[in-house]
């Protein structure tokens, strides 16, 4: 996880396009400038970044569902819950599923777990748009390969 670059996903460990589900691993770094302010001498993973972990997990699933031809952008959040604190060094497993996709938008649900216990969950809405440029798409493909998204199998 590279917090400062908003690269929240370390790897995609399960991707089922037909089943519309994905699982990712997100390991909170032990040190980051984020923790200098959140909070001094008591570092916690900010809830907004936990939400981003969930959003990116569903986002990668939506990209895969499009055959790597479209980009989801978070458009809304409903019913986000943060059940307990998450600390530097914690490993999170994020499960995401898409229950609606079409007409240029999508809706998914995600849960984050640490050692099997739910620490966060949310329903997230997305706007689906074409990639803004070929360079952006290329950079996204490179990022996807780094986190074990099976790019070559998915490209249409």
Protein backbone atom coordinates (compact mmCIF):
# COMPACT_ATOMS: atom_id res chain seq x y z
CA UNK A 1 0.00 0.00 0.00
CA UNK A 2 1.34 3.40 -0.98
CA UNK A 3 -0.89 5.83 0.92
CA UNK A 4 0.69 8.99 -0.40
CA UNK A 5 -0.03 7.85 -3.98
CA UNK A 6 -3.51 6.48 -3.23
CA UNK A 7 -2.37 3.05 -4.36
CA UNK A 8 -4.28 1.16 -1.71
CA UNK A 9 -4.33 -2.38 -3.11
CA UNK A 10 -1.25 -4.56 -2.63
CA UNK A 11 -2.69 -7.39 -4.70
CA UNK A 12 -5.91 -8.79 -6.03
CA UNK A 13 -6.18 -12.32 -4.64
CA UNK A 14 -9.50 -13.32 -6.23
CA UNK A 15 -11.31 -11.93 -9.25
CA UNK A 16 -14.52 -13.52 -10.50
CA UNK A 17 -15.87 -11.42 -13.36
CA UNK A 18 -18.84 -13.73 -14.00
CA UNK A 19 -19.70 -13.81 -10.29
CA UNK A 20 -19.05 -10.06 -10.00
CA UNK A 21 -16.80 -10.40 -6.94
CA UNK A 22 -13.23 -9.54 -6.01
CA UNK A 23 -10.95 -9.82 -2.99
CA UNK A 24 -7.86 -7.77 -2.34
CA UNK A 25 -5.13 -7.54 0.27
CA UNK A 26 -4.20 -4.13 1.64
CA UNK A 27 -1.39 -4.01 4.17
CA UNK A 28 -1.28 -0.76 6.09
CA UNK A 29 2.32 0.50 6.07
CA UNK A 30 4.08 0.65 9.40
CA UNK A 31 5.28 4.16 8.67
CA UNK A 32 3.78 6.96 6.60
CA UNK A 33 3.60 10.73 6.76
CA UNK A 34 -0.20 10.25 7.01
CA UNK A 35 0.28 8.99 10.57
CA UNK A 36 2.17 12.09 11.65
CA UNK A 37 -1.14 13.92 11.77
CA UNK A 38 -3.53 10.99 12.25
CA UNK A 39 -2.61 10.91 15.12
CA UNK A 40 0.66 12.00 16.73
CA UNK A 41 1.88 9.20 19.03
CA UNK A 42 -1.27 7.13 18.28
CA UNK A 43 -1.27 6.34 14.53
CA UNK A 44 -4.56 5.14 13.01
CA UNK A 45 -5.57 4.43 9.42
CA UNK A 46 -7.99 7.22 8.43
CA UNK A 47 -11.55 6.11 7.66
CA UNK A 48 -11.40 7.95 4.35
CA UNK A 49 -8.48 5.73 3.30
CA UNK A 50 -10.31 2.59 4.44
CA UNK A 51 -13.16 3.72 2.19
CA UNK A 52 -10.66 4.17 -0.63
CA UNK A 53 -9.43 0.58 -0.14
CA UNK A 54 -13.00 -0.64 -0.54
CA UNK A 55 -13.66 1.66 -3.51
CA UNK A 56 -10.52 0.53 -5.33
CA UNK A 57 -11.32 -3.15 -4.82
CA UNK A 58 -14.74 -2.73 -6.44
CA UNK A 59 -13.18 -0.37 -8.98
CA UNK A 60 -10.72 -3.01 -10.18
CA UNK A 61 -13.60 -5.46 -10.46
CA UNK A 62 -15.54 -2.97 -12.60
CA UNK A 63 -12.50 -2.39 -14.80
CA UNK A 64 -12.19 -6.17 -15.25
CA UNK A 65 -15.92 -6.47 -16.00
CA UNK A 66 -15.48 -3.91 -18.79
CA UNK A 67 -12.65 -5.92 -20.36
CA UNK A 68 -10.33 -3.09 -19.30
CA UNK A 69 -12.19 -0.68 -21.55
CA UNK A 70 -13.76 1.72 -19.05
CA UNK A 71 -12.87 3.57 -15.87
CA UNK A 72 -15.05 3.74 -12.76
CA UNK A 73 -14.99 6.92 -10.70
CA UNK A 74 -16.48 6.94 -7.22
CA UNK A 75 -19.64 9.01 -7.33
CA UNK A 76 -21.20 8.36 -3.94
CA UNK A 77 -21.09 6.43 -0.72
CA UNK A 78 -23.96 5.10 1.31
CA UNK A 79 -24.00 3.37 4.67
CA UNK A 80 -20.25 3.48 5.30
CA UNK A 81 -19.35 2.03 8.68
CA UNK A 82 -16.02 1.91 10.48
CA UNK A 83 -16.36 -0.63 13.27
CA UNK A 84 -12.95 -0.52 14.93
CA UNK A 85 -9.56 1.15 14.62
CA UNK A 86 -7.05 -0.04 12.03
CA UNK A 87 -3.37 0.36 12.86
CA UNK A 88 -0.08 0.54 10.98
CA UNK A 89 1.04 -2.96 10.01
CA UNK A 90 -2.48 -4.41 9.92
CA UNK A 91 -3.34 -6.61 6.94
CA UNK A 92 -6.81 -6.07 5.56
CA UNK A 93 -8.73 -8.35 3.27
CA UNK A 94 -11.31 -6.43 1.28
CA UNK A 95 -14.23 -8.20 -0.40
CA UNK A 96 -16.16 -6.37 -3.06
CA UNK A 97 -19.17 -7.24 -5.17
CA UNK A 98 -21.11 -5.44 -7.86
CA UNK A 99 -24.86 -5.77 -7.70
CA UNK A 100 -25.78 -3.24 -10.38
CA UNK A 101 -23.89 -2.20 -13.50
CA UNK A 102 -25.32 -0.50 -16.55
CA UNK A 103 -26.35 2.81 -18.13
CA UNK A 104 -23.01 4.38 -17.23
CA UNK A 105 -23.06 3.70 -13.53
CA UNK A 106 -22.52 0.89 -11.05
CA UNK A 107 -23.18 0.09 -7.42
CA UNK A 108 -21.19 -2.27 -5.24
CA UNK A 109 -20.82 -3.42 -1.67
CA UNK A 110 -17.55 -3.94 0.16
CA UNK A 111 -16.36 -5.21 3.52
CA UNK A 112 -12.91 -5.00 5.01
CA UNK A 113 -11.70 -7.59 7.48
CA UNK A 114 -8.68 -7.88 9.76
CA UNK A 115 -8.02 -11.41 11.02
CA UNK A 116 -11.51 -12.39 9.87
CA UNK A 117 -13.38 -9.63 11.76
CA UNK A 118 -15.21 -6.89 9.86
CA UNK A 119 -13.58 -3.50 10.42
CA UNK A 120 -15.34 -1.48 7.70
CA UNK A 121 -18.09 -1.73 5.10
CA UNK A 122 -19.84 0.48 2.58
CA UNK A 123 -22.12 0.66 -0.43
CA UNK A 124 -20.36 2.62 -3.17
CA UNK A 125 -21.70 4.17 -6.38
CA UNK A 126 -19.59 4.76 -9.49
CA UNK A 127 -19.83 6.62 -12.75
CA UNK A 128 -18.35 4.57 -15.61
CA UNK A 129 -16.55 6.56 -18.30
CA UNK A 130 -14.10 5.88 -21.13
CA UNK A 131 -10.42 6.15 -20.28
CA UNK A 132 -9.43 9.82 -20.58
CA UNK A 133 -6.39 9.06 -22.76
CA UNK A 134 -4.35 6.16 -24.16
CA UNK A 135 -1.51 7.11 -21.79
CA UNK A 136 -3.83 6.81 -18.80
CA UNK A 137 -5.01 3.39 -19.96
CA UNK A 138 -1.39 2.22 -20.41
CA UNK A 139 -0.45 3.45 -16.93
CA UNK A 140 -3.49 1.69 -15.48
CA UNK A 141 -2.53 -1.58 -17.20
CA UNK A 142 0.95 -1.35 -15.66
CA UNK A 143 -0.59 -0.73 -12.23
CA UNK A 144 -2.99 -3.66 -12.74
CA UNK A 145 -0.12 -6.02 -13.53
CA UNK A 146 1.74 -4.93 -10.35
CA UNK A 147 -1.24 -5.93 -8.20
CA UNK A 148 -1.90 -9.25 -10.00
CA UNK A 149 -4.92 -8.31 -12.09
CA UNK A 150 -4.82 -10.79 -15.03
CA UNK A 151 -4.68 -8.05 -17.68
CA UNK A 152 -3.90 -10.26 -20.68
CA UNK A 153 -6.85 -12.54 -19.92
CA UNK A 154 -9.30 -9.67 -19.52
CA UNK A 155 -8.52 -7.26 -22.37
CA UNK A 156 -11.20 -7.24 -25.05
